[in-house]
C-alpha cells in the first residue's frame, strides 16, 4: 500500500478489515473471563485489550509499515515515540468499563492522522455488529466479527444534520459525567439527552441522530481519532476548548486531549 497516505479511503478500508479480524479475539474474551486489572494510571485493562492490540499492530506493520503507530497498551508501557507528521492511533478496546459491564457499548478504533488532523478512521462495535468508516466520505454497515467487509453498495452513507427547530439532542458519557458538561449544556437549547459509551457518541452525531457531544473530562488521542475522522467525513466538526479544530500529535502533552466538543453542524458550533 505504498504512498497511500493520500488514499484515505483505501486506508480506511484496510482499517475496517483489521478491526473485523481483531474483533474475533475481543469477543472470545467478552464471553469468557476477561482477567480485568488496573494499569499504573488506575484505568482498567483486560485480556481483550491486549489480544486485539497485538493483532492490529501485526497487521499494520505488515500492510502499512511506513506509518508509526501509537497504541494505547503499548503507550502504557512507555512506547509513545511518534517521529513524523503522519501516524496511526489505535485503541483496541475503547470503553473497557462498558466491556466489563457487558452492555455492548465498546468499540475498536483505528485512526490515521496527517498533519495533526484525523483523515481516515474506523469505529467497530463488535457486540452490536456495527461498523463506521470515515475517509473522504463516511458510511456504516452491519457486519459480524470475522466476516468479510461488505461492499460499498451494502453500506449506508452518512451525513450530519442541521439542528432541529425543537432543540438539540446532546450525547453525554455513560461513565464520565461532570459539572463542566452540565454547565456547557445549560447554555444550549437541548431537547433531549442520550447516554452512550465509548466513541459511539461520535458515530451517532455522524449518523444525524444527535447534534452535539461535549467532553470536558480527560481523554487520550487514541480515544478520539477514529470517531473524529468518521464525524468529519460525515460533515461534522470537533473543536477544542478554544473553538479551534481538535489537533493530534500533542507529544508535549503526552497525547492527552483537553476539553472538546463534537458538532454535527459546524455552523452551530459555539466558538
C-alpha atoms as a PDB file:
ATOM      1  CA  UNK A   1       0.000   0.000   0.000  1.00  0.00           C
ATOM      2  CA  UNK A   2       2.825   2.332  -0.912  1.00  0.00           C
ATOM      3  CA  UNK A   3       2.128   6.058  -0.985  1.00  0.00           C
ATOM      4  CA  UNK A   4      -1.404   5.647   0.329  1.00  0.00           C
ATOM      5  CA  UNK A   5      -1.007   8.499   2.774  1.00  0.00           C
ATOM      6  CA  UNK A   6      -3.201  10.384   0.287  1.00  0.00           C
ATOM      7  CA  UNK A   7      -5.557   7.443  -0.370  1.00  0.00           C
ATOM      8  CA  UNK A   8      -7.720   7.919   2.659  1.00  0.00           C
ATOM      9  CA  UNK A   9     -10.469   5.573   1.522  1.00  0.00           C
ATOM     10  CA  UNK A  10      -8.133   2.667   0.803  1.00  0.00           C
ATOM     11  CA  UNK A  11      -6.549   3.059   4.223  1.00  0.00           C
ATOM     12  CA  UNK A  12      -9.964   3.213   5.895  1.00  0.00           C
ATOM     13  CA  UNK A  13     -10.966   0.011   4.085  1.00  0.00           C
ATOM     14  CA  UNK A  14      -7.840  -1.710   5.380  1.00  0.00           C
ATOM     15  CA  UNK A  15      -8.540  -0.471   8.905  1.00  0.00           C
ATOM     16  CA  UNK A  16     -12.046  -1.935   8.609  1.00  0.00           C
ATOM     17  CA  UNK A  17     -10.706  -5.335   7.631  1.00  0.00           C
ATOM     18  CA  UNK A  18      -8.270  -5.271  10.538  1.00  0.00           C
ATOM     19  CA  UNK A  19     -10.854  -4.395  13.202  1.00  0.00           C
ATOM     20  CA  UNK A  20     -13.132  -7.177  11.980  1.00  0.00           C
ATOM     21  CA  UNK A  21     -10.268  -9.625  12.479  1.00  0.00           C
ATOM     22  CA  UNK A  22      -9.335  -8.227  15.895  1.00  0.00           C
ATOM     23  CA  UNK A  23     -12.972  -8.363  16.983  1.00  0.00           C
ATOM     24  CA  UNK A  24     -12.911 -12.173  16.956  1.00  0.00           C
ATOM     25  CA  UNK A  25     -10.325 -12.135  19.740  1.00  0.00           C
ATOM     26  CA  UNK A  26     -12.236  -9.406  21.603  1.00  0.00           C
ATOM     27  CA  UNK A  27     -15.494 -11.325  21.559  1.00  0.00           C
ATOM     28  CA  UNK A  28     -13.775 -14.532  22.664  1.00  0.00           C
ATOM     29  CA  UNK A  29     -12.768 -12.691  25.834  1.00  0.00           C
ATOM     30  CA  UNK A  30     -16.170 -10.981  26.127  1.00  0.00           C
ATOM     31  CA  UNK A  31     -17.866 -14.345  26.606  1.00  0.00           C
ATOM     32  CA  UNK A  32     -15.198 -15.698  28.970  1.00  0.00           C
ATOM     33  CA  UNK A  33     -13.070 -14.493  31.892  1.00  0.00           C
ATOM     34  CA  UNK A  34     -11.569 -11.163  30.871  1.00  0.00           C
ATOM     35  CA  UNK A  35      -8.958 -11.107  33.700  1.00  0.00           C
ATOM     36  CA  UNK A  36      -9.626  -7.430  34.348  1.00  0.00           C
ATOM     37  CA  UNK A  37      -6.917  -5.497  36.181  1.00  0.00           C
ATOM     38  CA  UNK A  38      -5.676  -1.943  36.744  1.00  0.00           C
ATOM     39  CA  UNK A  39      -2.870  -0.209  34.915  1.00  0.00           C
ATOM     40  CA  UNK A  40      -0.438   2.144  36.624  1.00  0.00           C
ATOM     41  CA  UNK A  41      -2.741   5.114  35.918  1.00  0.00           C
ATOM     42  CA  UNK A  42      -5.695   3.335  37.521  1.00  0.00           C
ATOM     43  CA  UNK A  43      -7.599   2.711  34.293  1.00  0.00           C
ATOM     44  CA  UNK A  44      -8.910  -0.796  33.601  1.00  0.00           C
ATOM     45  CA  UNK A  45      -7.365  -3.231  31.155  1.00  0.00           C
ATOM     46  CA  UNK A  46      -8.243  -6.809  30.295  1.00  0.00           C
ATOM     47  CA  UNK A  47      -7.186  -9.653  28.041  1.00  0.00           C
ATOM     48  CA  UNK A  48      -9.307  -8.254  25.186  1.00  0.00           C
ATOM     49  CA  UNK A  49      -7.293  -5.013  25.025  1.00  0.00           C
ATOM     50  CA  UNK A  50      -4.014  -6.854  24.751  1.00  0.00           C
ATOM     51  CA  UNK A  51      -5.179  -9.560  22.332  1.00  0.00           C
ATOM     52  CA  UNK A  52      -6.788  -7.063  19.958  1.00  0.00           C
ATOM     53  CA  UNK A  53      -3.834  -4.692  20.053  1.00  0.00           C
ATOM     54  CA  UNK A  54      -1.404  -7.498  19.183  1.00  0.00           C
ATOM     55  CA  UNK A  55      -3.461  -8.425  16.114  1.00  0.00           C
ATOM     56  CA  UNK A  56      -3.882  -4.819  14.989  1.00  0.00           C
ATOM     57  CA  UNK A  57      -0.207  -3.957  15.387  1.00  0.00           C
ATOM     58  CA  UNK A  58       0.853  -7.066  13.483  1.00  0.00           C
ATOM     59  CA  UNK A  59      -1.455  -6.274  10.566  1.00  0.00           C
ATOM     60  CA  UNK A  60      -0.478  -2.617  10.457  1.00  0.00           C
ATOM     61  CA  UNK A  61       3.225  -3.489  10.480  1.00  0.00           C
ATOM     62  CA  UNK A  62       2.681  -5.818   7.526  1.00  0.00           C
ATOM     63  CA  UNK A  63       0.379  -3.578   5.478  1.00  0.00           C
ATOM     64  CA  UNK A  64       1.363  -0.008   6.382  1.00  0.00           C
ATOM     65  CA  UNK A  65       4.945  -0.171   7.634  1.00  0.00           C
ATOM     66  CA  UNK A  66       5.596   3.429   6.580  1.00  0.00           C
ATOM     67  CA  UNK A  67       3.405   4.784   9.385  1.00  0.00           C
ATOM     68  CA  UNK A  68       4.462   4.781  13.047  1.00  0.00           C
ATOM     69  CA  UNK A  69       1.723   3.551  15.371  1.00  0.00           C
ATOM     70  CA  UNK A  70       0.705   4.886  18.771  1.00  0.00           C
ATOM     71  CA  UNK A  71      -1.410   2.253  20.528  1.00  0.00           C
ATOM     72  CA  UNK A  72      -2.969   2.506  23.975  1.00  0.00           C
ATOM     73  CA  UNK A  73      -1.485  -0.535  25.669  1.00  0.00           C
ATOM     74  CA  UNK A  74       1.963  -0.042  24.149  1.00  0.00           C
ATOM     75  CA  UNK A  75       1.801   3.598  25.258  1.00  0.00           C
ATOM     76  CA  UNK A  76       1.030   2.487  28.815  1.00  0.00           C
ATOM     77  CA  UNK A  77       4.384   0.687  28.700  1.00  0.00           C
ATOM     78  CA  UNK A  78       6.155   3.857  27.599  1.00  0.00           C
ATOM     79  CA  UNK A  79       6.157   3.329  23.833  1.00  0.00           C
ATOM     80  CA  UNK A  80       4.992   6.793  22.770  1.00  0.00           C
ATOM     81  CA  UNK A  81       7.511   7.994  20.208  1.00  0.00           C
ATOM     82  CA  UNK A  82       5.953   9.475  17.051  1.00  0.00           C
ATOM     83  CA  UNK A  83       8.642  10.758  14.732  1.00  0.00           C
ATOM     84  CA  UNK A  84       6.655  12.034  11.746  1.00  0.00           C
ATOM     85  CA  UNK A  85       3.551  14.046  10.888  1.00  0.00           C
ATOM     86  CA  UNK A  86       1.603  11.031   9.628  1.00  0.00           C
ATOM     87  CA  UNK A  87       0.906   8.282  12.156  1.00  0.00           C
ATOM     88  CA  UNK A  88      -1.766   5.818  13.258  1.00  0.00           C
ATOM     89  CA  UNK A  89      -3.638   5.811  16.565  1.00  0.00           C
ATOM     90  CA  UNK A  90      -5.061   2.571  17.949  1.00  0.00           C
ATOM     91  CA  UNK A  91      -7.486   1.963  20.796  1.00  0.00           C
ATOM     92  CA  UNK A  92      -8.007  -1.819  20.871  1.00  0.00           C
ATOM     93  CA  UNK A  93     -10.994  -1.621  23.236  1.00  0.00           C
ATOM     94  CA  UNK A  94     -12.468   1.827  23.767  1.00  0.00           C
ATOM     95  CA  UNK A  95     -14.888   1.728  26.657  1.00  0.00           C
ATOM     96  CA  UNK A  96     -13.287  -1.019  28.745  1.00  0.00           C
ATOM     97  CA  UNK A  97     -15.736  -0.207  31.536  1.00  0.00           C
ATOM     98  CA  UNK A  98     -18.621  -0.869  29.124  1.00  0.00           C
ATOM     99  CA  UNK A  99     -16.894  -4.061  28.009  1.00  0.00           C
ATOM    100  CA  UNK A 100     -16.586  -5.282  31.587  1.00  0.00           C
ATOM    101  CA  UNK A 101     -20.212  -4.382  32.362  1.00  0.00           C
ATOM    102  CA  UNK A 102     -21.342  -6.289  29.231  1.00  0.00           C
ATOM    103  CA  UNK A 103     -23.586  -3.527  27.896  1.00  0.00           C
ATOM    104  CA  UNK A 104     -22.178  -3.829  24.366  1.00  0.00           C
ATOM    105  CA  UNK A 105     -21.127  -0.158  24.109  1.00  0.00           C
ATOM    106  CA  UNK A 106     -17.436  -0.667  23.480  1.00  0.00           C
ATOM    107  CA  UNK A 107     -15.522  -0.225  20.253  1.00  0.00           C
ATOM    108  CA  UNK A 108     -12.307  -0.998  18.422  1.00  0.00           C
ATOM    109  CA  UNK A 109     -10.774   2.163  16.976  1.00  0.00           C
ATOM    110  CA  UNK A 110      -8.069   2.843  14.389  1.00  0.00           C
ATOM    111  CA  UNK A 111      -7.375   6.326  13.024  1.00  0.00           C
ATOM    112  CA  UNK A 112      -4.842   7.879  10.668  1.00  0.00           C
ATOM    113  CA  UNK A 113      -3.540  11.351  11.494  1.00  0.00           C
ATOM    114  CA  UNK A 114      -1.804  13.515   8.897  1.00  0.00           C
ATOM    115  CA  UNK A 115      -0.503  16.981   9.788  1.00  0.00           C
ATOM    116  CA  UNK A 116      -2.316  16.919  13.152  1.00  0.00           C
ATOM    117  CA  UNK A 117      -5.727  16.086  11.657  1.00  0.00           C
ATOM    118  CA  UNK A 118      -7.608  12.752  11.548  1.00  0.00           C
ATOM    119  CA  UNK A 119      -8.093  11.894   7.867  1.00  0.00           C
ATOM    120  CA  UNK A 120      -9.231   8.251   7.978  1.00  0.00           C
ATOM    121  CA  UNK A 121     -10.678   6.076  10.693  1.00  0.00           C
ATOM    122  CA  UNK A 122     -12.909   3.193  11.647  1.00  0.00           C
ATOM    123  CA  UNK A 123     -15.007   2.507  14.720  1.00  0.00           C
ATOM    124  CA  UNK A 124     -16.338  -1.015  15.218  1.00  0.00           C
ATOM    125  CA  UNK A 125     -18.757  -2.126  17.921  1.00  0.00           C
ATOM    126  CA  UNK A 126     -18.399  -5.927  17.743  1.00  0.00           C
ATOM    127  CA  UNK A 127     -21.127  -6.763  20.262  1.00  0.00           C
ATOM    128  CA  UNK A 128     -23.555  -4.612  18.234  1.00  0.00           C
ATOM    129  CA  UNK A 129     -22.086  -5.779  14.892  1.00  0.00           C
ATOM    130  CA  UNK A 130     -21.939  -2.170  13.661  1.00  0.00           C
ATOM    131  CA  UNK A 131     -19.063  -0.647  11.732  1.00  0.00           C
ATOM    132  CA  UNK A 132     -18.457   3.015  10.886  1.00  0.00           C
ATOM    133  CA  UNK A 133     -15.884   4.015   8.273  1.00  0.00           C
ATOM    134  CA  UNK A 134     -14.539   7.500   7.536  1.00  0.00           C
ATOM    135  CA  UNK A 135     -12.274   8.617   4.692  1.00  0.00           C
ATOM    136  CA  UNK A 136     -13.281  11.160   2.073  1.00  0.00           C
ATOM    137  CA  UNK A 137     -16.856  10.206   2.988  1.00  0.00           C
ATOM    138  CA  UNK A 138     -18.447   8.306   5.876  1.00  0.00           C
ATOM    139  CA  UNK A 139     -20.508   5.136   5.868  1.00  0.00           C
ATOM    140  CA  UNK A 140     -21.855   2.474   8.193  1.00  0.00           C
ATOM    141  CA  UNK A 141     -22.878  -1.147   7.849  1.00  0.00           C
ATOM    142  CA  UNK A 142     -23.826  -4.231   9.822  1.00  0.00           C
ATOM    143  CA  UNK A 143     -21.156  -6.926   9.877  1.00  0.00           C
ATOM    144  CA  UNK A 144     -20.229  -9.692  12.299  1.00  0.00           C
ATOM    145  CA  UNK A 145     -16.766 -10.128  13.810  1.00  0.00           C
ATOM    146  CA  UNK A 146     -14.538 -12.058  11.446  1.00  0.00           C
ATOM    147  CA  UNK A 147     -16.878 -11.613   8.486  1.00  0.00           C
ATOM    148  CA  UNK A 148     -15.923 -10.178   5.115  1.00  0.00           C
ATOM    149  CA  UNK A 149     -16.224  -6.410   4.840  1.00  0.00           C
ATOM    150  CA  UNK A 150     -19.444  -5.621   2.910  1.00  0.00           C
ATOM    151  CA  UNK A 151     -19.062  -3.763  -0.408  1.00  0.00           C
ATOM    152  CA  UNK A 152     -19.947  -0.093  -0.688  1.00  0.00           C
ATOM    153  CA  UNK A 153     -23.312  -0.992  -2.177  1.00  0.00           C
ATOM    154  CA  UNK A 154     -24.273  -2.647   1.109  1.00  0.00           C
ATOM    155  CA  UNK A 155     -23.356   0.324   3.274  1.00  0.00           C
ATOM    156  CA  UNK A 156     -25.314   3.400   4.318  1.00  0.00           C
ATOM    157  CA  UNK A 157     -23.640   6.729   3.592  1.00  0.00           C
ATOM    158  CA  UNK A 158     -23.615   9.175   6.484  1.00  0.00           C
ATOM    159  CA  UNK A 159     -24.351  12.876   6.661  1.00  0.00           C
ATOM    160  CA  UNK A 160     -24.762  15.006   9.757  1.00  0.00           C
ATOM    161  CA  UNK A 161     -27.942  17.002  10.184  1.00  0.00           C
ATOM    162  CA  UNK A 162     -28.849  20.623  10.699  1.00  0.00           C
ATOM    163  CA  UNK A 163     -30.050  21.408  14.228  1.00  0.00           C
ATOM    164  CA  UNK A 164     -33.789  20.619  14.618  1.00  0.00           C
ATOM    165  CA  UNK A 165     -36.089  23.532  15.371  1.00  0.00           C
ATOM    166  CA  UNK A 166     -37.329  21.857  18.543  1.00  0.00           C
ATOM    167  CA  UNK A 167     -33.823  21.797  20.019  1.00  0.00           C
ATOM    168  CA  UNK A 168     -30.611  19.812  20.048  1.00  0.00           C
ATOM    169  CA  UNK A 169     -30.029  16.212  21.006  1.00  0.00           C
ATOM    170  CA  UNK A 170     -26.945  16.040  23.199  1.00  0.00           C
ATOM    171  CA  UNK A 171     -24.842  12.952  23.790  1.00  0.00           C
ATOM    172  CA  UNK A 172     -23.360  12.500  27.234  1.00  0.00           C
ATOM    173  CA  UNK A 173     -20.940   9.937  28.530  1.00  0.00           C
ATOM    174  CA  UNK A 174     -22.367   6.929  30.328  1.00  0.00           C
ATOM    175  CA  UNK A 175     -19.325   6.626  32.577  1.00  0.00           C
ATOM    176  CA  UNK A 176     -17.856  10.140  32.822  1.00  0.00           C
ATOM    177  CA  UNK A 177     -20.440  12.762  33.843  1.00  0.00           C
ATOM    178  CA  UNK A 178     -19.091  16.078  35.161  1.00  0.00           C
ATOM    179  CA  UNK A 179     -20.175  19.574  36.197  1.00  0.00           C
ATOM    180  CA  UNK A 180     -18.418  21.258  33.250  1.00  0.00           C
ATOM    181  CA  UNK A 181     -20.557  19.295  30.808  1.00  0.00           C
ATOM    182  CA  UNK A 182     -23.698  20.322  32.639  1.00  0.00           C
ATOM    183  CA  UNK A 183     -22.647  23.965  32.585  1.00  0.00           C
ATOM    184  CA  UNK A 184     -21.963  23.832  28.859  1.00  0.00           C
ATOM    185  CA  UNK A 185     -25.279  22.158  28.020  1.00  0.00           C
ATOM    186  CA  UNK A 186     -27.136  24.724  30.118  1.00  0.00           C
ATOM    187  CA  UNK A 187     -26.148  27.342  27.513  1.00  0.00           C
ATOM    188  CA  UNK A 188     -27.850  25.425  24.698  1.00  0.00           C
ATOM    189  CA  UNK A 189     -31.400  24.654  23.694  1.00  0.00           C
ATOM    190  CA  UNK A 190     -31.415  20.946  24.492  1.00  0.00           C
ATOM    191  CA  UNK A 191     -34.484  18.902  23.587  1.00  0.00           C
ATOM    192  CA  UNK A 192     -33.090  15.504  24.535  1.00  0.00           C
ATOM    193  CA  UNK A 193     -30.111  13.832  26.128  1.00  0.00           C
ATOM    194  CA  UNK A 194     -28.819  10.410  25.205  1.00  0.00           C
ATOM    195  CA  UNK A 195     -26.274   8.416  27.170  1.00  0.00           C
ATOM    196  CA  UNK A 196     -23.741   6.302  25.307  1.00  0.00           C
ATOM    197  CA  UNK A 197     -20.359   4.741  25.912  1.00  0.00           C
ATOM    198  CA  UNK A 198     -17.039   4.936  24.095  1.00  0.00           C
ATOM    199  CA  UNK A 199     -16.595   6.520  20.652  1.00  0.00           C
ATOM    200  CA  UNK A 200     -20.138   5.534  19.698  1.00  0.00           C
ATOM    201  CA  UNK A 201     -21.056   9.117  20.528  1.00  0.00           C
ATOM    202  CA  UNK A 202     -19.075  10.455  17.574  1.00  0.00           C
ATOM    203  CA  UNK A 203     -20.812   7.936  15.334  1.00  0.00           C
ATOM    204  CA  UNK A 204     -24.304   8.896  16.473  1.00  0.00           C
ATOM    205  CA  UNK A 205     -23.593  12.515  15.634  1.00  0.00           C
ATOM    206  CA  UNK A 206     -22.198  11.392  12.268  1.00  0.00           C
ATOM    207  CA  UNK A 207     -25.406   9.459  11.596  1.00  0.00           C
ATOM    208  CA  UNK A 208     -27.539  12.534  12.217  1.00  0.00           C
ATOM    209  CA  UNK A 209     -29.105  11.012  15.336  1.00  0.00           C
ATOM    210  CA  UNK A 210     -27.667  13.678  17.617  1.00  0.00           C
ATOM    211  CA  UNK A 211     -26.254  17.186  17.336  1.00  0.00           C
ATOM    212  CA  UNK A 212     -23.600  17.774  19.967  1.00  0.00           C
ATOM    213  CA  UNK A 213     -21.238  15.767  22.137  1.00  0.00           C
ATOM    214  CA  UNK A 214     -19.255  17.776  24.709  1.00  0.00           C
ATOM    215  CA  UNK A 215     -16.417  16.189  26.663  1.00  0.00           C
ATOM    216  CA  UNK A 216     -14.606  18.097  29.380  1.00  0.00           C
ATOM    217  CA  UNK A 217     -13.049  15.179  31.212  1.00  0.00           C
ATOM    218  CA  UNK A 218      -9.682  13.674  30.265  1.00  0.00           C
ATOM    219  CA  UNK A 219      -9.262  11.638  27.082  1.00  0.00           C
ATOM    220  CA  UNK A 220      -6.309  10.446  25.064  1.00  0.00           C
ATOM    221  CA  UNK A 221      -5.797  10.932  21.344  1.00  0.00           C
ATOM    222  CA  UNK A 222      -6.363   7.239  20.618  1.00  0.00           C
ATOM    223  CA  UNK A 223      -9.771   7.562  22.295  1.00  0.00           C
ATOM    224  CA  UNK A 224     -10.969  10.140  19.787  1.00  0.00           C
ATOM    225  CA  UNK A 225      -9.062   9.993  16.483  1.00  0.00           C
ATOM    226  CA  UNK A 226     -11.142   7.300  14.760  1.00  0.00           C
ATOM    227  CA  UNK A 227     -14.521   8.694  15.786  1.00  0.00           C
ATOM    228  CA  UNK A 228     -13.342  12.204  14.958  1.00  0.00           C
ATOM    229  CA  UNK A 229     -12.348  11.035  11.454  1.00  0.00           C
ATOM    230  CA  UNK A 230     -15.772   9.438  10.909  1.00  0.00           C
ATOM    231  CA  UNK A 231     -17.594  12.552  12.106  1.00  0.00           C
ATOM    232  CA  UNK A 232     -15.536  14.956   9.996  1.00  0.00           C
ATOM    233  CA  UNK A 233     -16.056  12.729   6.939  1.00  0.00           C
ATOM    234  CA  UNK A 234     -19.810  12.943   7.563  1.00  0.00           C
ATOM    235  CA  UNK A 235     -19.740  16.752   7.622  1.00  0.00           C
ATOM    236  CA  UNK A 236     -19.252  17.390  11.331  1.00  0.00           C
ATOM    237  CA  UNK A 237     -16.553  19.129  13.312  1.00  0.00           C
ATOM    238  CA  UNK A 238     -14.647  18.604  16.568  1.00  0.00           C
ATOM    239  CA  UNK A 239     -13.255  21.678  18.300  1.00  0.00           C
ATOM    240  CA  UNK A 240     -11.149  22.140  21.398  1.00  0.00           C
ATOM    241  CA  UNK A 241     -11.862  24.384  24.348  1.00  0.00           C
ATOM    242  CA  UNK A 242     -10.677  27.416  22.375  1.00  0.00           C
ATOM    243  CA  UNK A 243     -13.006  26.706  19.455  1.00  0.00           C
ATOM    244  CA  UNK A 244     -10.294  25.550  17.044  1.00  0.00           C
ATOM    245  CA  UNK A 245     -10.147  22.172  15.344  1.00  0.00           C
ATOM    246  CA  UNK A 246      -9.003  19.443  17.707  1.00  0.00           C
ATOM    247  CA  UNK A 247      -5.398  18.622  16.867  1.00  0.00           C
ATOM    248  CA  UNK A 248      -3.422  15.397  17.196  1.00  0.00           C
ATOM    249  CA  UNK A 249       0.212  14.553  17.806  1.00  0.00           C
ATOM    250  CA  UNK A 250       0.426  16.514  21.046  1.00  0.00           C
ATOM    251  CA  UNK A 251       3.594  14.791  22.270  1.00  0.00           C
ATOM    252  CA  UNK A 252       4.287  17.673  24.656  1.00  0.00           C
ATOM    253  CA  UNK A 253       1.057  16.788  26.464  1.00  0.00           C
ATOM    254  CA  UNK A 254       1.735  13.027  26.332  1.00  0.00           C
ATOM    255  CA  UNK A 255      -1.012  12.796  23.688  1.00  0.00           C
ATOM    256  CA  UNK A 256      -3.727  13.905  26.094  1.00  0.00           C
ATOM    257  CA  UNK A 257      -6.735  15.848  24.805  1.00  0.00           C
ATOM    258  CA  UNK A 258      -8.120  18.835  26.586  1.00  0.00           C
ATOM    259  CA  UNK A 259     -11.854  19.633  26.522  1.00  0.00           C
ATOM    260  CA  UNK A 260     -13.547  19.170  23.172  1.00  0.00           C
ATOM    261  CA  UNK A 261     -16.985  19.492  21.586  1.00  0.00           C
ATOM    262  CA  UNK A 262     -18.176  17.428  18.638  1.00  0.00           C
ATOM    263  CA  UNK A 263     -20.830  19.116  16.493  1.00  0.00           C
ATOM    264  CA  UNK A 264     -22.900  17.707  13.692  1.00  0.00           C
ATOM    265  CA  UNK A 265     -23.380  21.113  12.082  1.00  0.00           C
ATOM    266  CA  UNK A 266     -20.232  23.274  12.013  1.00  0.00           C
ATOM    267  CA  UNK A 267     -22.438  26.380  11.759  1.00  0.00           C
ATOM    268  CA  UNK A 268     -23.958  25.554  15.148  1.00  0.00           C
ATOM    269  CA  UNK A 269     -20.589  25.355  16.904  1.00  0.00           C
ATOM    270  CA  UNK A 270     -20.157  27.735  19.814  1.00  0.00           C
ATOM    271  CA  UNK A 271     -16.807  29.493  19.497  1.00  0.00           C
END
